[in-house]
PDB file of N, CA and C in Angstrom:
ATOM      1  N   UNK A   1      18.117 -33.545  26.635  1.00  0.00           N
ATOM      2  CA  UNK A   1      17.252 -33.185  25.538  1.00  0.00           C
ATOM      3  C   UNK A   1      15.837 -33.589  25.917  1.00  0.00           C
ATOM      4  N   UNK A   2      14.873 -32.683  25.751  1.00  0.00           N
ATOM      5  CA  UNK A   2      13.489 -32.993  26.099  1.00  0.00           C
ATOM      6  C   UNK A   2      12.771 -33.601  24.911  1.00  0.00           C
ATOM      7  N   UNK A   3      11.592 -34.155  25.164  1.00  0.00           N
ATOM      8  CA  UNK A   3      10.780 -34.746  24.103  1.00  0.00           C
ATOM      9  C   UNK A   3      10.348 -33.698  23.097  1.00  0.00           C
ATOM     10  N   UNK A   4      10.191 -32.436  23.536  1.00  0.00           N
ATOM     11  CA  UNK A   4       9.781 -31.363  22.637  1.00  0.00           C
ATOM     12  C   UNK A   4      10.844 -31.052  21.593  1.00  0.00           C
ATOM     13  N   UNK A   5      12.118 -31.300  21.889  1.00  0.00           N
ATOM     14  CA  UNK A   5      13.200 -31.007  20.946  1.00  0.00           C
ATOM     15  C   UNK A   5      13.182 -31.927  19.734  1.00  0.00           C
ATOM     16  N   UNK A   6      12.517 -33.087  19.828  1.00  0.00           N
ATOM     17  CA  UNK A   6      12.497 -34.049  18.736  1.00  0.00           C
ATOM     18  C   UNK A   6      11.289 -33.909  17.821  1.00  0.00           C
ATOM     19  N   UNK A   7      10.393 -33.004  18.137  1.00  0.00           N
ATOM     20  CA  UNK A   7       9.188 -32.859  17.316  1.00  0.00           C
ATOM     21  C   UNK A   7       9.513 -32.175  15.993  1.00  0.00           C
ATOM     22  N   UNK A   8       8.784 -32.573  14.966  1.00  0.00           N
ATOM     23  CA  UNK A   8       8.921 -31.920  13.660  1.00  0.00           C
ATOM     24  C   UNK A   8       8.280 -30.537  13.744  1.00  0.00           C
ATOM     25  N   UNK A   9       8.722 -29.593  12.902  1.00  0.00           N
ATOM     26  CA  UNK A   9       8.111 -28.266  12.935  1.00  0.00           C
ATOM     27  C   UNK A   9       6.632 -28.348  12.586  1.00  0.00           C
ATOM     28  N   UNK A  10       5.844 -27.480  13.186  1.00  0.00           N
ATOM     29  CA  UNK A  10       4.406 -27.458  12.926  1.00  0.00           C
ATOM     30  C   UNK A  10       4.160 -27.055  11.479  1.00  0.00           C
ATOM     31  N   UNK A  11       3.199 -27.681  10.857  1.00  0.00           N
ATOM     32  CA  UNK A  11       2.837 -27.382   9.463  1.00  0.00           C
ATOM     33  C   UNK A  11       1.487 -26.697   9.440  1.00  0.00           C
ATOM     34  N   UNK A  12       1.347 -25.716   8.549  1.00  0.00           N
ATOM     35  CA  UNK A  12       0.084 -25.005   8.347  1.00  0.00           C
ATOM     36  C   UNK A  12      -0.238 -25.108   6.862  1.00  0.00           C
ATOM     37  N   UNK A  13      -1.211 -25.915   6.520  1.00  0.00           N
ATOM     38  CA  UNK A  13      -1.534 -26.111   5.114  1.00  0.00           C
ATOM     39  C   UNK A  13      -0.404 -26.844   4.424  1.00  0.00           C
ATOM     40  N   UNK A  14      -0.140 -26.492   3.163  1.00  0.00           N
ATOM     41  CA  UNK A  14       0.889 -27.173   2.385  1.00  0.00           C
ATOM     42  C   UNK A  14       2.277 -26.579   2.614  1.00  0.00           C
ATOM     43  N   UNK A  15       2.334 -25.369   3.192  1.00  0.00           N
ATOM     44  CA  UNK A  15       3.631 -24.719   3.371  1.00  0.00           C
ATOM     45  C   UNK A  15       3.958 -24.593   4.851  1.00  0.00           C
ATOM     46  N   UNK A  16       5.249 -24.573   5.139  1.00  0.00           N
ATOM     47  CA  UNK A  16       5.692 -24.324   6.496  1.00  0.00           C
ATOM     48  C   UNK A  16       5.491 -22.860   6.826  1.00  0.00           C
ATOM     49  N   UNK A  17       5.094 -22.606   8.037  1.00  0.00           N
ATOM     50  CA  UNK A  17       4.944 -21.227   8.483  1.00  0.00           C
ATOM     51  C   UNK A  17       6.323 -20.658   8.755  1.00  0.00           C
ATOM     52  N   UNK A  18       6.611 -19.502   8.167  1.00  0.00           N
ATOM     53  CA  UNK A  18       7.896 -18.865   8.383  1.00  0.00           C
ATOM     54  C   UNK A  18       7.710 -17.702   9.335  1.00  0.00           C
ATOM     55  N   UNK A  19       8.428 -17.735  10.424  1.00  0.00           N
ATOM     56  CA  UNK A  19       8.347 -16.668  11.414  1.00  0.00           C
ATOM     57  C   UNK A  19       9.093 -15.439  10.903  1.00  0.00           C
ATOM     58  N   UNK A  20       8.576 -14.254  11.207  1.00  0.00           N
ATOM     59  CA  UNK A  20       9.243 -13.010  10.859  1.00  0.00           C
ATOM     60  C   UNK A  20      10.347 -12.765  11.872  1.00  0.00           C
ATOM     61  N   UNK A  21      11.544 -12.652  11.405  1.00  0.00           N
ATOM     62  CA  UNK A  21      12.687 -12.402  12.275  1.00  0.00           C
ATOM     63  C   UNK A  21      12.779 -10.917  12.585  1.00  0.00           C
ATOM     64  N   UNK A  22      13.133 -10.596  13.797  1.00  0.00           N
ATOM     65  CA  UNK A  22      13.323  -9.194  14.167  1.00  0.00           C
ATOM     66  C   UNK A  22      14.491  -8.589  13.403  1.00  0.00           C
ATOM     67  N   UNK A  23      15.440  -9.426  12.982  1.00  0.00           N
ATOM     68  CA  UNK A  23      16.604  -8.935  12.250  1.00  0.00           C
ATOM     69  C   UNK A  23      16.302  -8.711  10.770  1.00  0.00           C
ATOM     70  N   UNK A  24      15.299  -9.429  10.225  1.00  0.00           N
ATOM     71  CA  UNK A  24      14.971  -9.300   8.805  1.00  0.00           C
ATOM     72  C   UNK A  24      14.017  -8.116   8.609  1.00  0.00           C
ATOM     73  N   UNK A  25      14.269  -7.290   7.610  1.00  0.00           N
ATOM     74  CA  UNK A  25      13.366  -6.163   7.379  1.00  0.00           C
ATOM     75  C   UNK A  25      12.003  -6.647   6.880  1.00  0.00           C
ATOM     76  N   UNK A  26      10.971  -5.948   7.264  1.00  0.00           N
ATOM     77  CA  UNK A  26       9.620  -6.277   6.822  1.00  0.00           C
ATOM     78  C   UNK A  26       9.449  -5.811   5.378  1.00  0.00           C
ATOM     79  N   UNK A  27       8.709  -6.564   4.559  1.00  0.00           N
ATOM     80  CA  UNK A  27       8.449  -6.118   3.193  1.00  0.00           C
ATOM     81  C   UNK A  27       7.368  -5.036   3.144  1.00  0.00           C
ATOM     82  N   UNK A  28       6.800  -4.689   4.303  1.00  0.00           N
ATOM     83  CA  UNK A  28       5.711  -3.729   4.368  1.00  0.00           C
ATOM     84  C   UNK A  28       6.180  -2.416   4.990  1.00  0.00           C
ATOM     85  N   UNK A  29       5.823  -1.278   4.373  1.00  0.00           N
ATOM     86  CA  UNK A  29       6.166   0.010   4.991  1.00  0.00           C
ATOM     87  C   UNK A  29       5.351   0.204   6.277  1.00  0.00           C
ATOM     88  N   UNK A  30       5.834   1.021   7.193  1.00  0.00           N
ATOM     89  CA  UNK A  30       5.030   1.335   8.381  1.00  0.00           C
ATOM     90  C   UNK A  30       3.721   1.995   7.962  1.00  0.00           C
ATOM     91  N   UNK A  31       2.646   1.692   8.657  1.00  0.00           N
ATOM     92  CA  UNK A  31       1.329   2.224   8.291  1.00  0.00           C
ATOM     93  C   UNK A  31       1.325   3.748   8.321  1.00  0.00           C
ATOM     94  N   UNK A  32       2.132   4.353   9.178  1.00  0.00           N
ATOM     95  CA  UNK A  32       2.196   5.815   9.267  1.00  0.00           C
ATOM     96  C   UNK A  32       2.763   6.451   8.003  1.00  0.00           C
ATOM     97  N   UNK A  33       3.449   5.685   7.167  1.00  0.00           N
ATOM     98  CA  UNK A  33       4.036   6.216   5.938  1.00  0.00           C
ATOM     99  C   UNK A  33       3.052   6.248   4.769  1.00  0.00           C
ATOM    100  N   UNK A  34       1.846   5.725   4.957  1.00  0.00           N
ATOM    101  CA  UNK A  34       0.839   5.717   3.903  1.00  0.00           C
ATOM    102  C   UNK A  34       0.075   7.035   3.882  1.00  0.00           C
ATOM    103  N   UNK A  35      -0.295   7.478   2.687  1.00  0.00           N
ATOM    104  CA  UNK A  35      -1.185   8.622   2.522  1.00  0.00           C
ATOM    105  C   UNK A  35      -2.604   8.077   2.371  1.00  0.00           C
ATOM    106  N   UNK A  36      -3.588   8.857   2.765  1.00  0.00           N
ATOM    107  CA  UNK A  36      -4.986   8.423   2.732  1.00  0.00           C
ATOM    108  C   UNK A  36      -5.774   9.287   1.765  1.00  0.00           C
ATOM    109  N   UNK A  37      -6.518   8.635   0.888  1.00  0.00           N
ATOM    110  CA  UNK A  37      -7.434   9.323  -0.030  1.00  0.00           C
ATOM    111  C   UNK A  37      -8.846   8.859   0.273  1.00  0.00           C
ATOM    112  N   UNK A  38      -9.822   9.749   0.133  1.00  0.00           N
ATOM    113  CA  UNK A  38     -11.208   9.365   0.360  1.00  0.00           C
ATOM    114  C   UNK A  38     -12.140  10.234  -0.461  1.00  0.00           C
ATOM    115  N   UNK A  39     -13.318   9.678  -0.770  1.00  0.00           N
ATOM    116  CA  UNK A  39     -14.364  10.440  -1.439  1.00  0.00           C
ATOM    117  C   UNK A  39     -15.667  10.377  -0.640  1.00  0.00           C
ATOM    118  N   UNK A  40     -15.554  10.086   0.643  1.00  0.00           N
ATOM    119  CA  UNK A  40     -16.680   9.955   1.582  1.00  0.00           C
ATOM    120  C   UNK A  40     -17.440   8.646   1.409  1.00  0.00           C
ATOM    121  N   UNK A  41     -17.098   7.830   0.428  1.00  0.00           N
ATOM    122  CA  UNK A  41     -17.737   6.530   0.222  1.00  0.00           C
ATOM    123  C   UNK A  41     -16.746   5.392   0.419  1.00  0.00           C
ATOM    124  N   UNK A  42     -15.508   5.633   0.047  1.00  0.00           N
ATOM    125  CA  UNK A  42     -14.453   4.633   0.178  1.00  0.00           C
ATOM    126  C   UNK A  42     -13.133   5.340   0.427  1.00  0.00           C
ATOM    127  N   UNK A  43     -12.077   4.564   0.586  1.00  0.00           N
ATOM    128  CA  UNK A  43     -10.768   5.145   0.823  1.00  0.00           C
ATOM    129  C   UNK A  43      -9.676   4.320   0.174  1.00  0.00           C
ATOM    130  N   UNK A  44      -8.556   4.961  -0.041  1.00  0.00           N
ATOM    131  CA  UNK A  44      -7.383   4.296  -0.608  1.00  0.00           C
ATOM    132  C   UNK A  44      -6.167   4.665   0.237  1.00  0.00           C
ATOM    133  N   UNK A  45      -5.236   3.721   0.333  1.00  0.00           N
ATOM    134  CA  UNK A  45      -3.971   3.978   1.012  1.00  0.00           C
ATOM    135  C   UNK A  45      -2.860   3.951  -0.029  1.00  0.00           C
ATOM    136  N   UNK A  46      -2.088   5.036  -0.079  1.00  0.00           N
ATOM    137  CA  UNK A  46      -1.016   5.196  -1.056  1.00  0.00           C
ATOM    138  C   UNK A  46       0.314   5.016  -0.340  1.00  0.00           C
ATOM    139  N   UNK A  47       1.084   4.038  -0.797  1.00  0.00           N
ATOM    140  CA  UNK A  47       2.382   3.703  -0.196  1.00  0.00           C
ATOM    141  C   UNK A  47       3.409   4.802  -0.466  1.00  0.00           C
ATOM    142  N   UNK A  48       4.490   4.792   0.284  1.00  0.00           N
ATOM    143  CA  UNK A  48       5.539   5.795   0.067  1.00  0.00           C
ATOM    144  C   UNK A  48       6.108   5.810  -1.347  1.00  0.00           C
ATOM    145  N   UNK A  49       6.068   4.673  -2.065  1.00  0.00           N
ATOM    146  CA  UNK A  49       6.593   4.642  -3.436  1.00  0.00           C
ATOM    147  C   UNK A  49       5.561   5.064  -4.471  1.00  0.00           C
ATOM    148  N   UNK A  50       4.373   5.501  -4.020  1.00  0.00           N
ATOM    149  CA  UNK A  50       3.331   5.973  -4.934  1.00  0.00           C
ATOM    150  C   UNK A  50       2.327   4.919  -5.337  1.00  0.00           C
ATOM    151  N   UNK A  51       2.481   3.692  -4.899  1.00  0.00           N
ATOM    152  CA  UNK A  51       1.549   2.613  -5.260  1.00  0.00           C
ATOM    153  C   UNK A  51       0.305   2.667  -4.379  1.00  0.00           C
ATOM    154  N   UNK A  52      -0.843   2.427  -4.981  1.00  0.00           N
ATOM    155  CA  UNK A  52      -2.078   2.290  -4.209  1.00  0.00           C
ATOM    156  C   UNK A  52      -2.109   0.845  -3.726  1.00  0.00           C
ATOM    157  N   UNK A  53      -1.876   0.671  -2.429  1.00  0.00           N
ATOM    158  CA  UNK A  53      -1.768  -0.664  -1.837  1.00  0.00           C
ATOM    159  C   UNK A  53      -3.083  -1.149  -1.247  1.00  0.00           C
ATOM    160  N   UNK A  54      -4.068  -0.270  -1.083  1.00  0.00           N
ATOM    161  CA  UNK A  54      -5.364  -0.688  -0.534  1.00  0.00           C
ATOM    162  C   UNK A  54      -6.455   0.172  -1.133  1.00  0.00           C
ATOM    163  N   UNK A  55      -7.474  -0.468  -1.694  1.00  0.00           N
ATOM    164  CA  UNK A  55      -8.630   0.242  -2.233  1.00  0.00           C
ATOM    165  C   UNK A  55      -9.807  -0.708  -2.285  1.00  0.00           C
ATOM    166  N   UNK A  56     -10.894  -0.294  -1.704  1.00  0.00           N
ATOM    167  CA  UNK A  56     -12.155  -1.033  -1.779  1.00  0.00           C
ATOM    168  C   UNK A  56     -13.147  -0.152  -2.524  1.00  0.00           C
ATOM    169  N   UNK A  57     -13.836  -0.710  -3.506  1.00  0.00           N
ATOM    170  CA  UNK A  57     -14.850   0.060  -4.229  1.00  0.00           C
ATOM    171  C   UNK A  57     -16.123  -0.771  -4.339  1.00  0.00           C
ATOM    172  N   UNK A  58     -17.260  -0.165  -4.287  1.00  0.00           N
ATOM    173  CA  UNK A  58     -17.518   1.283  -4.235  1.00  0.00           C
ATOM    174  C   UNK A  58     -17.619   1.852  -2.822  1.00  0.00           C
ATOM    175  N   UNK A  59     -17.533   0.979  -1.787  1.00  0.00           N
ATOM    176  CA  UNK A  59     -17.673   1.435  -0.399  1.00  0.00           C
ATOM    177  C   UNK A  59     -16.548   0.856   0.458  1.00  0.00           C
ATOM    178  N   UNK A  60     -16.405   1.413   1.673  1.00  0.00           N
ATOM    179  CA  UNK A  60     -15.393   0.924   2.611  1.00  0.00           C
ATOM    180  C   UNK A  60     -15.566  -0.557   2.933  1.00  0.00           C
ATOM    181  N   UNK A  61     -16.820  -1.035   2.966  1.00  0.00           N
ATOM    182  CA  UNK A  61     -17.072  -2.429   3.350  1.00  0.00           C
ATOM    183  C   UNK A  61     -17.079  -3.392   2.165  1.00  0.00           C
ATOM    184  N   UNK A  62     -16.709  -2.921   0.968  1.00  0.00           N
ATOM    185  CA  UNK A  62     -16.652  -3.776  -0.220  1.00  0.00           C
ATOM    186  C   UNK A  62     -15.339  -4.564  -0.228  1.00  0.00           C
ATOM    187  N   UNK A  63     -15.280  -5.637  -0.999  1.00  0.00           N
ATOM    188  CA  UNK A  63     -14.005  -6.371  -1.127  1.00  0.00           C
ATOM    189  C   UNK A  63     -12.927  -5.466  -1.727  1.00  0.00           C
ATOM    190  N   UNK A  64     -11.681  -5.733  -1.364  1.00  0.00           N
ATOM    191  CA  UNK A  64     -10.593  -4.894  -1.858  1.00  0.00           C
ATOM    192  C   UNK A  64     -10.276  -5.205  -3.316  1.00  0.00           C
ATOM    193  N   UNK A  65      -9.961  -4.158  -4.055  1.00  0.00           N
ATOM    194  CA  UNK A  65      -9.494  -4.287  -5.437  1.00  0.00           C
ATOM    195  C   UNK A  65      -7.977  -4.447  -5.415  1.00  0.00           C
ATOM    196  N   UNK A  66      -7.324  -3.610  -4.618  1.00  0.00           N
ATOM    197  CA  UNK A  66      -5.887  -3.708  -4.388  1.00  0.00           C
ATOM    198  C   UNK A  66      -5.693  -4.020  -2.916  1.00  0.00           C
ATOM    199  N   UNK A  67      -4.875  -5.023  -2.605  1.00  0.00           N
ATOM    200  CA  UNK A  67      -4.721  -5.443  -1.225  1.00  0.00           C
ATOM    201  C   UNK A  67      -3.303  -5.733  -0.801  1.00  0.00           C
ATOM    202  N   UNK A  68      -2.322  -5.186  -1.493  1.00  0.00           N
ATOM    203  CA  UNK A  68      -0.938  -5.514  -1.141  1.00  0.00           C
ATOM    204  C   UNK A  68      -0.508  -4.907   0.192  1.00  0.00           C
ATOM    205  N   UNK A  69      -1.375  -4.117   0.808  1.00  0.00           N
ATOM    206  CA  UNK A  69      -1.114  -3.639   2.167  1.00  0.00           C
ATOM    207  C   UNK A  69      -0.999  -4.822   3.124  1.00  0.00           C
ATOM    208  N   UNK A  70      -1.765  -5.880   2.844  1.00  0.00           N
ATOM    209  CA  UNK A  70      -1.768  -7.067   3.693  1.00  0.00           C
ATOM    210  C   UNK A  70      -0.990  -8.236   3.108  1.00  0.00           C
ATOM    211  N   UNK A  71      -0.906  -8.300   1.793  1.00  0.00           N
ATOM    212  CA  UNK A  71      -0.258  -9.423   1.120  1.00  0.00           C
ATOM    213  C   UNK A  71       0.400  -8.885  -0.145  1.00  0.00           C
ATOM    214  N   UNK A  72       1.707  -8.955  -0.245  1.00  0.00           N
ATOM    215  CA  UNK A  72       2.436  -8.383  -1.372  1.00  0.00           C
ATOM    216  C   UNK A  72       2.012  -8.946  -2.726  1.00  0.00           C
ATOM    217  N   UNK A  73       1.327 -10.069  -2.756  1.00  0.00           N
ATOM    218  CA  UNK A  73       0.857 -10.650  -4.014  1.00  0.00           C
ATOM    219  C   UNK A  73      -0.609 -10.335  -4.292  1.00  0.00           C
ATOM    220  N   UNK A  74      -1.231  -9.463  -3.487  1.00  0.00           N
ATOM    221  CA  UNK A  74      -2.657  -9.167  -3.616  1.00  0.00           C
ATOM    222  C   UNK A  74      -2.952  -7.982  -4.524  1.00  0.00           C
ATOM    223  N   UNK A  75      -1.961  -7.429  -5.179  1.00  0.00           N
ATOM    224  CA  UNK A  75      -2.176  -6.402  -6.190  1.00  0.00           C
ATOM    225  C   UNK A  75      -2.070  -4.974  -5.681  1.00  0.00           C
ATOM    226  N   UNK A  76      -1.598  -4.118  -6.561  1.00  0.00           N
ATOM    227  CA  UNK A  76      -1.499  -2.686  -6.298  1.00  0.00           C
ATOM    228  C   UNK A  76      -1.502  -1.981  -7.646  1.00  0.00           C
ATOM    229  N   UNK A  77      -1.551  -0.646  -7.614  1.00  0.00           N
ATOM    230  CA  UNK A  77      -1.484   0.144  -8.837  1.00  0.00           C
ATOM    231  C   UNK A  77      -0.525   1.290  -8.587  1.00  0.00           C
ATOM    232  N   UNK A  78       0.390   1.488  -9.514  1.00  0.00           N
ATOM    233  CA  UNK A  78       1.367   2.564  -9.365  1.00  0.00           C
ATOM    234  C   UNK A  78       1.549   3.285 -10.679  1.00  0.00           C
ATOM    235  N   UNK A  79       1.483   4.599 -10.623  1.00  0.00           N
ATOM    236  CA  UNK A  79       1.797   5.443 -11.760  1.00  0.00           C
ATOM    237  C   UNK A  79       2.969   6.309 -11.345  1.00  0.00           C
ATOM    238  N   UNK A  80       4.143   5.980 -11.849  1.00  0.00           N
ATOM    239  CA  UNK A  80       5.360   6.700 -11.488  1.00  0.00           C
ATOM    240  C   UNK A  80       6.487   6.242 -12.381  1.00  0.00           C
ATOM    241  N   UNK A  81       7.634   6.874 -12.264  1.00  0.00           N
ATOM    242  CA  UNK A  81       8.766   6.524 -13.128  1.00  0.00           C
ATOM    243  C   UNK A  81       9.327   5.142 -12.790  1.00  0.00           C
ATOM    244  N   UNK A  82       9.664   4.400 -13.817  1.00  0.00           N
ATOM    245  CA  UNK A  82      10.222   3.063 -13.650  1.00  0.00           C
ATOM    246  C   UNK A  82      11.580   3.135 -12.972  1.00  0.00           C
ATOM    247  N   UNK A  83      11.769   2.286 -11.980  1.00  0.00           N
ATOM    248  CA  UNK A  83      13.063   2.175 -11.330  1.00  0.00           C
ATOM    249  C   UNK A  83      13.354   3.220 -10.269  1.00  0.00           C
ATOM    250  N   UNK A  84      12.457   4.176 -10.072  1.00  0.00           N
ATOM    251  CA  UNK A  84      12.648   5.196  -9.032  1.00  0.00           C
ATOM    252  C   UNK A  84      11.528   4.996  -8.017  1.00  0.00           C
ATOM    253  N   UNK A  85      11.896   4.531  -6.827  1.00  0.00           N
ATOM    254  CA  UNK A  85      10.888   4.196  -5.829  1.00  0.00           C
ATOM    255  C   UNK A  85      10.793   5.184  -4.679  1.00  0.00           C
ATOM    256  N   UNK A  86      11.569   6.262  -4.752  1.00  0.00           N
ATOM    257  CA  UNK A  86      11.541   7.255  -3.681  1.00  0.00           C
ATOM    258  C   UNK A  86      11.262   8.630  -4.274  1.00  0.00           C
ATOM    259  N   UNK A  87      10.031   9.126  -4.123  1.00  0.00           N
ATOM    260  CA  UNK A  87       9.726  10.452  -4.662  1.00  0.00           C
ATOM    261  C   UNK A  87      10.461  11.541  -3.888  1.00  0.00           C
ATOM    262  N   UNK A  88      10.575  12.708  -4.522  1.00  0.00           N
ATOM    263  CA  UNK A  88      11.224  13.845  -3.890  1.00  0.00           C
ATOM    264  C   UNK A  88      10.304  14.426  -2.817  1.00  0.00           C
ATOM    265  N   UNK A  89       9.032  14.597  -3.153  1.00  0.00           N
ATOM    266  CA  UNK A  89       8.058  15.114  -2.178  1.00  0.00           C
ATOM    267  C   UNK A  89       6.722  14.407  -2.331  1.00  0.00           C
ATOM    268  N   UNK A  90       5.979  14.372  -1.241  1.00  0.00           N
ATOM    269  CA  UNK A  90       4.579  13.905  -1.218  1.00  0.00           C
ATOM    270  C   UNK A  90       3.843  14.845  -0.276  1.00  0.00           C
ATOM    271  N   UNK A  91       2.929  15.630  -0.826  1.00  0.00           N
ATOM    272  CA  UNK A  91       2.162  16.562  -0.004  1.00  0.00           C
ATOM    273  C   UNK A  91       0.710  16.557  -0.466  1.00  0.00           C
ATOM    274  N   UNK A  92      -0.170  16.974   0.405  1.00  0.00           N
ATOM    275  CA  UNK A  92      -1.554  17.218   0.005  1.00  0.00           C
ATOM    276  C   UNK A  92      -1.643  18.665  -0.466  1.00  0.00           C
ATOM    277  N   UNK A  93      -2.362  18.883  -1.588  1.00  0.00           N
ATOM    278  CA  UNK A  93      -2.588  20.265  -2.011  1.00  0.00           C
ATOM    279  C   UNK A  93      -3.368  20.950  -0.893  1.00  0.00           C
ATOM    280  N   UNK A  94      -2.953  22.148  -0.520  1.00  0.00           N
ATOM    281  CA  UNK A  94      -3.595  22.830   0.609  1.00  0.00           C
ATOM    282  C   UNK A  94      -5.119  22.907   0.450  1.00  0.00           C
ATOM    283  N   UNK A  95      -5.816  22.542   1.512  1.00  0.00           N
ATOM    284  CA  UNK A  95      -7.280  22.615   1.532  1.00  0.00           C
ATOM    285  C   UNK A  95      -7.978  21.502   0.784  1.00  0.00           C
ATOM    286  N   UNK A  96      -7.228  20.474   0.351  1.00  0.00           N
ATOM    287  CA  UNK A  96      -7.838  19.392  -0.423  1.00  0.00           C
ATOM    288  C   UNK A  96      -7.387  18.037   0.115  1.00  0.00           C
ATOM    289  N   UNK A  97      -7.960  16.999  -0.446  1.00  0.00           N
ATOM    290  CA  UNK A  97      -7.520  15.633  -0.180  1.00  0.00           C
ATOM    291  C   UNK A  97      -6.851  15.075  -1.441  1.00  0.00           C
ATOM    292  N   UNK A  98      -6.147  15.934  -2.162  1.00  0.00           N
ATOM    293  CA  UNK A  98      -5.418  15.562  -3.375  1.00  0.00           C
ATOM    294  C   UNK A  98      -3.947  15.389  -2.996  1.00  0.00           C
ATOM    295  N   UNK A  99      -3.432  14.182  -3.211  1.00  0.00           N
ATOM    296  CA  UNK A  99      -2.037  13.892  -2.912  1.00  0.00           C
ATOM    297  C   UNK A  99      -1.186  14.203  -4.135  1.00  0.00           C
ATOM    298  N   UNK A 100      -0.157  15.022  -3.955  1.00  0.00           N
ATOM    299  CA  UNK A 100       0.752  15.380  -5.042  1.00  0.00           C
ATOM    300  C   UNK A 100       2.107  14.752  -4.754  1.00  0.00           C
ATOM    301  N   UNK A 101       2.558  13.897  -5.665  1.00  0.00           N
ATOM    302  CA  UNK A 101       3.841  13.227  -5.533  1.00  0.00           C
ATOM    303  C   UNK A 101       4.748  13.739  -6.644  1.00  0.00           C
ATOM    304  N   UNK A 102       5.947  14.169  -6.281  1.00  0.00           N
ATOM    305  CA  UNK A 102       6.898  14.722  -7.245  1.00  0.00           C
ATOM    306  C   UNK A 102       8.103  13.793  -7.352  1.00  0.00           C
ATOM    307  N   UNK A 103       8.464  13.494  -8.594  1.00  0.00           N
ATOM    308  CA  UNK A 103       9.587  12.608  -8.889  1.00  0.00           C
ATOM    309  C   UNK A 103      10.622  13.365  -9.703  1.00  0.00           C
ATOM    310  N   UNK A 104      11.899  13.135  -9.436  1.00  0.00           N
ATOM    311  CA  UNK A 104      13.003  13.673 -10.241  1.00  0.00           C
ATOM    312  C   UNK A 104      13.587  12.525 -11.042  1.00  0.00           C
ATOM    313  N   UNK A 105      13.632  12.688 -12.349  1.00  0.00           N
ATOM    314  CA  UNK A 105      14.212  11.670 -13.228  1.00  0.00           C
ATOM    315  C   UNK A 105      15.419  12.273 -13.946  1.00  0.00           C
ATOM    316  N   UNK A 106      16.107  11.446 -14.703  1.00  0.00           N
ATOM    317  CA  UNK A 106      17.271  11.935 -15.445  1.00  0.00           C
ATOM    318  C   UNK A 106      16.891  12.921 -16.546  1.00  0.00           C
ATOM    319  N   UNK A 107      15.631  12.890 -17.007  1.00  0.00           N
ATOM    320  CA  UNK A 107      15.228  13.784 -18.096  1.00  0.00           C
ATOM    321  C   UNK A 107      14.257  14.878 -17.655  1.00  0.00           C
ATOM    322  N   UNK A 108      13.942  14.954 -16.366  1.00  0.00           N
ATOM    323  CA  UNK A 108      13.042  16.019 -15.916  1.00  0.00           C
ATOM    324  C   UNK A 108      12.282  15.634 -14.654  1.00  0.00           C
ATOM    325  N   UNK A 109      11.143  16.287 -14.488  1.00  0.00           N
ATOM    326  CA  UNK A 109      10.305  16.095 -13.301  1.00  0.00           C
ATOM    327  C   UNK A 109       8.972  15.472 -13.688  1.00  0.00           C
ATOM    328  N   UNK A 110       8.423  14.653 -12.803  1.00  0.00           N
ATOM    329  CA  UNK A 110       7.080  14.083 -12.984  1.00  0.00           C
ATOM    330  C   UNK A 110       6.273  14.469 -11.755  1.00  0.00           C
ATOM    331  N   UNK A 111       5.080  14.961 -11.997  1.00  0.00           N
ATOM    332  CA  UNK A 111       4.172  15.328 -10.925  1.00  0.00           C
ATOM    333  C   UNK A 111       2.914  14.472 -11.071  1.00  0.00           C
ATOM    334  N   UNK A 112       2.594  13.700 -10.041  1.00  0.00           N
ATOM    335  CA  UNK A 112       1.410  12.835 -10.069  1.00  0.00           C
ATOM    336  C   UNK A 112       0.435  13.326  -9.016  1.00  0.00           C
ATOM    337  N   UNK A 113      -0.825  13.527  -9.420  1.00  0.00           N
ATOM    338  CA  UNK A 113      -1.891  13.925  -8.487  1.00  0.00           C
ATOM    339  C   UNK A 113      -2.840  12.746  -8.324  1.00  0.00           C
ATOM    340  N   UNK A 114      -2.994  12.288  -7.090  1.00  0.00           N
ATOM    341  CA  UNK A 114      -3.916  11.206  -6.782  1.00  0.00           C
ATOM    342  C   UNK A 114      -5.096  11.762  -5.991  1.00  0.00           C
ATOM    343  N   UNK A 115      -6.299  11.331  -6.367  1.00  0.00           N
ATOM    344  CA  UNK A 115      -7.508  11.743  -5.652  1.00  0.00           C
ATOM    345  C   UNK A 115      -8.623  10.757  -5.975  1.00  0.00           C
ATOM    346  N   UNK A 116      -9.569  10.665  -5.098  1.00  0.00           N
ATOM    347  CA  UNK A 116     -10.804   9.941  -5.359  1.00  0.00           C
ATOM    348  C   UNK A 116     -11.888  10.993  -5.559  1.00  0.00           C
ATOM    349  N   UNK A 117     -12.561  10.953  -6.695  1.00  0.00           N
ATOM    350  CA  UNK A 117     -13.536  11.985  -6.990  1.00  0.00           C
ATOM    351  C   UNK A 117     -14.843  11.729  -6.260  1.00  0.00           C
ATOM    352  N   UNK A 118     -15.546  12.812  -5.973  1.00  0.00           N
ATOM    353  CA  UNK A 118     -16.854  12.736  -5.341  1.00  0.00           C
ATOM    354  C   UNK A 118     -17.890  12.918  -6.439  1.00  0.00           C
ATOM    355  N   UNK A 119     -18.698  11.880  -6.642  1.00  0.00           N
ATOM    356  CA  UNK A 119     -19.719  11.921  -7.672  1.00  0.00           C
ATOM    357  C   UNK A 119     -21.087  12.203  -7.090  1.00  0.00           C
ATOM    358  N   UNK A 120     -22.122  12.078  -7.907  1.00  0.00           N
ATOM    359  CA  UNK A 120     -23.473  12.299  -7.408  1.00  0.00           C
ATOM    360  C   UNK A 120     -23.822  11.307  -6.306  1.00  0.00           C
ATOM    361  N   UNK A 121     -24.521  11.785  -5.329  1.00  0.00           N
ATOM    362  CA  UNK A 121     -24.889  10.934  -4.197  1.00  0.00           C
ATOM    363  C   UNK A 121     -26.138  10.133  -4.523  1.00  0.00           C
ATOM    364  N   UNK A 122     -26.060   8.816  -4.305  1.00  0.00           N
ATOM    365  CA  UNK A 122     -27.224   7.956  -4.508  1.00  0.00           C
ATOM    366  C   UNK A 122     -28.052   7.920  -3.234  1.00  0.00           C
ATOM    367  N   UNK A 123     -29.353   8.025  -3.392  1.00  0.00           N
ATOM    368  CA  UNK A 123     -30.296   7.938  -2.255  1.00  0.00           C
ATOM    369  C   UNK A 123     -30.036   9.030  -1.265  1.00  0.00           C
TER     370      UNK A 123
END
């Protein structure tokens, strides 16, 4: 047994650092599964379940309003049916940057359109 085997685990702040196991699934979707919305001033990333996981306003370099893309406790916004996390389809309306998400529920269909509007240009 080497001297290194007797050391206590390294501590970072008040909590122990937990390594991500290759066997454990990540709580984060792959970045390729996100949809992108923009209004030429800022952008938003929409997760596969319809939640806006990243948004900075009013510009790309502003602090994030929703940041669960990086930290699951950093906030998100979702408009969709409760308890259904997998939409039937997610497409951009042809020729636009409008994301259309379609959900099938027990009582019918829900269609959600996400977009960032382009307003008057300052300066």
